[in-house]
Protein backbone atom coordinates (compact mmCIF):
# COMPACT_ATOMS: atom_id res chain seq x y z
CA MET A 1 34.92 18.92 5.14
CA LYS A 2 31.30 20.22 4.19
CA LYS A 3 29.09 17.25 3.44
CA GLU A 4 27.53 17.45 0.16
CA LYS A 5 23.46 18.44 -0.25
CA SER A 6 21.48 15.83 -1.59
CA LYS A 7 19.60 16.05 -4.57
CA ILE A 8 15.58 15.93 -4.80
CA PHE A 9 13.53 16.20 -7.71
CA ILE A 10 10.01 16.90 -7.01
CA VAL A 11 7.24 15.42 -9.41
CA ASP A 12 3.67 17.11 -8.49
CA ASP A 13 1.37 18.99 -11.09
CA HIS A 14 0.71 21.84 -8.23
CA PRO A 15 2.99 24.79 -8.96
CA PHE A 16 2.36 26.38 -5.37
CA LEU A 17 2.91 22.87 -3.43
CA ARG A 18 6.08 22.09 -5.72
CA GLU A 19 7.44 26.11 -4.89
CA GLY A 20 6.70 25.72 -1.29
CA LEU A 21 8.49 22.42 -0.54
CA THR A 22 11.35 23.85 -2.85
CA ARG A 23 11.63 26.67 -0.52
CA PHE A 24 11.15 24.64 2.21
CA ILE A 25 14.25 22.39 1.76
CA ASN A 26 16.19 24.64 0.11
CA LEU A 27 16.46 23.28 -3.18
CA GLN A 28 17.23 24.25 -7.01
CA PRO A 29 15.26 23.53 -9.67
CA LEU A 30 15.37 20.70 -11.25
CA LYS A 31 14.64 19.07 -14.68
CA SER A 32 15.54 15.82 -15.45
CA ILE A 33 15.66 12.43 -13.06
CA PRO A 34 17.82 10.43 -15.37
CA LEU A 35 20.12 13.23 -16.67
CA LEU A 36 20.51 14.64 -12.70
CA LYS A 37 19.94 11.68 -10.91
CA PRO A 38 18.84 13.19 -8.34
CA ASP A 39 19.00 11.29 -4.78
CA ILE A 40 15.21 10.97 -3.98
CA VAL A 41 12.37 11.85 -6.07
CA ILE A 42 8.96 13.13 -4.25
CA VAL A 43 6.36 11.67 -6.38
CA ASP A 44 2.59 12.77 -6.29
CA LEU A 45 0.64 9.95 -7.63
CA THR A 46 -2.13 11.83 -9.39
CA LEU A 47 0.08 13.84 -12.23
CA ALA A 48 -1.63 15.63 -15.33
CA GLY A 49 -1.35 12.81 -18.20
CA SER A 50 0.05 10.07 -16.10
CA SER A 51 0.48 8.43 -12.95
CA GLY A 52 2.90 8.11 -10.22
CA LEU A 53 2.75 4.62 -9.81
CA ASP A 54 3.64 4.13 -13.33
CA LEU A 55 5.90 6.63 -12.48
CA ILE A 56 7.66 4.46 -10.14
CA LYS A 57 7.21 0.95 -11.75
CA ASP A 58 9.21 2.17 -14.31
CA MET A 59 12.49 3.73 -12.53
CA LYS A 60 12.23 0.54 -10.60
CA LEU A 61 12.57 -1.69 -14.09
CA ARG A 62 14.78 0.57 -15.27
CA SER A 63 17.28 -0.10 -12.29
CA MET A 64 17.42 3.54 -11.40
CA LYS A 65 19.10 4.27 -8.11
CA THR A 66 17.39 7.22 -6.74
CA MET A 67 15.01 6.44 -4.07
CA VAL A 68 11.17 7.86 -4.43
CA LEU A 69 9.32 9.33 -1.35
CA VAL A 70 4.95 9.70 -2.50
CA LEU A 71 3.52 12.87 -1.16
CA SER A 72 0.04 12.60 -1.91
CA MET A 73 -3.73 13.71 -1.27
CA HIS A 74 -4.34 9.78 -1.84
CA ASP A 75 -5.70 7.99 1.67
CA GLU A 76 -2.59 6.08 2.33
CA SER A 77 -5.01 3.07 3.30
CA LEU A 78 -5.43 2.25 0.28
CA TYR A 79 -2.28 3.63 -1.56
CA ALA A 80 0.96 3.58 0.71
CA GLU A 81 1.39 -0.02 0.38
CA ARG A 82 0.70 -0.03 -3.56
CA ALA A 83 3.11 2.49 -3.53
CA LEU A 84 6.02 0.82 -1.79
CA ARG A 85 5.24 -2.64 -3.56
CA ALA A 86 5.52 -0.36 -6.99
CA GLY A 87 8.95 0.56 -5.56
CA ALA A 88 8.71 3.65 -3.03
CA LYS A 89 10.62 3.93 0.17
CA GLY A 90 7.96 6.06 1.44
CA TYR A 91 4.35 7.46 1.96
CA ILE A 92 3.07 10.80 3.31
CA MET A 93 -0.36 12.43 3.06
CA LYS A 94 -0.27 16.07 1.88
CA GLU A 95 -1.56 17.28 5.11
CA GLU A 96 1.56 15.55 7.15
CA ALA A 97 3.69 17.18 4.52
CA SER A 98 5.06 20.53 6.68
CA LYS A 99 6.14 18.41 9.59
CA GLU A 100 6.84 15.11 8.05
CA VAL A 101 8.76 15.72 5.08
CA LEU A 102 12.31 16.06 5.87
CA LYS A 103 12.06 13.04 8.70
CA ALA A 104 11.07 11.32 5.87
CA ILE A 105 13.45 12.71 3.59
CA HIS A 106 16.13 11.68 6.40
CA ARG A 107 15.13 8.13 6.75
CA ILE A 108 14.75 7.26 3.62
CA LEU A 109 18.56 8.77 2.91
CA SER A 110 19.70 6.28 5.93
CA GLY A 111 18.21 3.28 4.11
CA GLU A 112 15.07 3.26 6.29
CA ILE A 113 11.66 2.75 4.74
CA TYR A 114 9.13 5.93 6.02
CA LEU A 115 5.56 5.51 6.56
CA SER A 116 3.18 7.40 9.26
CA GLU A 117 3.24 5.61 12.65
CA LYS A 118 -0.58 4.31 11.99
CA MET A 119 0.08 2.97 8.71
CA ALA A 120 3.17 1.28 10.21
CA ALA A 121 0.94 -0.17 12.50
CA LYS A 122 -1.52 -1.24 10.79
CA MET A 123 1.01 -2.73 7.80
CA LEU A 124 2.38 -4.94 10.44
CA HIS A 125 -0.80 -5.98 11.67
CA LYS A 126 -2.05 -7.37 8.18
CA LEU A 127 1.34 -9.06 7.54
CA ALA A 128 0.80 -10.76 10.28
CA ASP A 129 -2.32 -11.88 9.39
CA GLY A 130 -1.38 -12.54 5.59
CA LYS A 131 -4.02 -9.91 4.11
CA ASN A 132 -3.15 -6.47 1.87
CA THR A 133 -3.63 -3.18 3.73
CA SER A 134 -6.51 -2.21 2.08
CA ASP A 135 -8.54 -5.22 1.97
CA ALA A 136 -10.93 -3.45 4.32
CA VAL A 137 -12.17 -1.55 1.63
CA PRO A 138 -13.83 -2.39 -1.62
CA GLU A 139 -11.44 -0.77 -3.64
CA GLY A 140 -8.63 -2.69 -2.27
CA ALA A 141 -9.99 -5.51 -4.33
CA LEU A 142 -8.80 -3.33 -7.28
CA SER A 143 -5.22 -3.47 -9.50
CA ASP A 144 -3.28 -0.68 -9.48
CA ARG A 145 -4.54 -0.19 -13.38
CA GLU A 146 -7.79 -0.97 -12.43
CA LEU A 147 -8.30 1.85 -9.69
CA GLN A 148 -6.59 4.42 -11.51
CA VAL A 149 -9.44 3.62 -14.45
CA PHE A 150 -11.86 3.74 -11.46
CA GLU A 151 -11.02 7.21 -10.52
CA LEU A 152 -10.71 8.80 -13.76
CA ILE A 153 -14.37 7.26 -14.02
CA GLY A 154 -15.02 9.12 -11.03
CA ARG A 155 -13.32 12.33 -12.36
CA GLY A 156 -15.93 12.45 -15.18
CA HIS A 157 -13.73 10.93 -17.98
CA GLY A 158 -14.90 8.31 -21.16
CA THR A 159 -13.88 5.33 -22.07
CA ARG A 160 -11.62 7.08 -25.28
CA GLN A 161 -10.51 9.93 -22.87
CA ILE A 162 -9.66 7.46 -20.16
CA ALA A 163 -7.32 5.52 -23.40
CA ASP A 164 -5.54 8.91 -24.22
CA GLU A 165 -4.80 9.09 -21.11
CA LEU A 166 -3.21 5.85 -20.17
CA HIS A 167 -1.70 5.29 -23.45
CA ILE A 168 -4.10 2.34 -23.93
CA SER A 169 -6.76 1.15 -26.40
CA ALA A 170 -10.84 1.61 -25.73
CA LYS A 171 -11.01 -2.06 -26.00
CA THR A 172 -8.71 -2.64 -22.78
CA VAL A 173 -10.54 0.43 -20.83
CA GLU A 174 -13.90 -1.20 -21.21
CA SER A 175 -12.31 -4.82 -20.27
CA TYR A 176 -11.14 -2.88 -16.96
CA ARG A 177 -14.26 -1.43 -16.46
CA ALA A 178 -15.78 -4.99 -16.77
CA HIS A 179 -13.37 -6.45 -13.91
CA ILE A 180 -14.19 -3.72 -11.48
CA LYS A 181 -17.83 -4.14 -11.86
CA VAL A 182 -17.28 -8.04 -10.89
CA LYS A 183 -14.67 -7.10 -8.54
CA MET A 184 -16.84 -4.43 -6.47
CA ASN A 185 -20.33 -6.69 -7.32
CA LEU A 186 -21.68 -3.58 -9.34
CA LYS A 187 -24.16 -4.31 -11.34
CA ASN A 188 -24.29 -1.84 -14.49
CA ALA A 189 -22.36 1.15 -16.39
CA HIS A 190 -24.62 3.46 -14.25
CA GLU A 191 -23.91 1.89 -10.91
CA LEU A 192 -20.03 1.81 -12.05
CA THR A 193 -20.01 5.53 -12.65
CA HIS A 194 -22.29 6.38 -9.37
CA HIS A 195 -20.01 4.29 -7.13
CA ALA A 196 -16.36 5.72 -9.29
CA VAL A 197 -18.11 9.53 -8.25
CA GLN A 198 -18.90 9.47 -5.02
CA TRP A 199 -15.58 7.87 -4.20
CA VAL A 200 -13.54 10.51 -6.16
CA GLU A 201 -16.09 13.02 -3.87
CA ARG A 202 -15.54 11.78 -0.49
CA LYS A 203 -11.66 11.57 -1.13
CA HIS A 204 -11.71 14.67 -2.37
CA LEU A 205 -9.73 13.65 -5.49
CA ASN A 206 -11.57 15.83 -7.60
């Protein structure tokens, strides 16, 4: 008896990546996660008008059985642990995707967690030390939402634009900005913007 193919749903705002992955793992176009009930959803953390982390958390809150594999350009040392805490079952950097994505899919379908060997070792060491994997960098002190706001600031988005994108009030955005300045020891709005822009450029997120 031929084994039924697993359904995989790809959530990424770069069409070339979606099409390339689709051809690579031989999928048919899929439209709706709740309707189609895929076995795995491959999610980018940065999506137009939304957040991959928010999507993962929402799926977890809805008790959806679909497993999530994060495929992102974001540094795994800062985001992998956040993604796993949100409910993802694996994390791959986009630069590693072509050689690792099938391995990750098979591992997740078999009920395991997938991380790069380097990241898995780092998480084990940090777990033994009782620390978060992202503590080594200033951005690691930020909550998921604060980090999201910090990145949008670095992309040149103003308070109102961030509020609209995250579906929160401008006052809430200002509160997040204040928390970020305290946690990262930044003196004023200018320092915050400068630091955020440099971070986005350094991480090639723009």
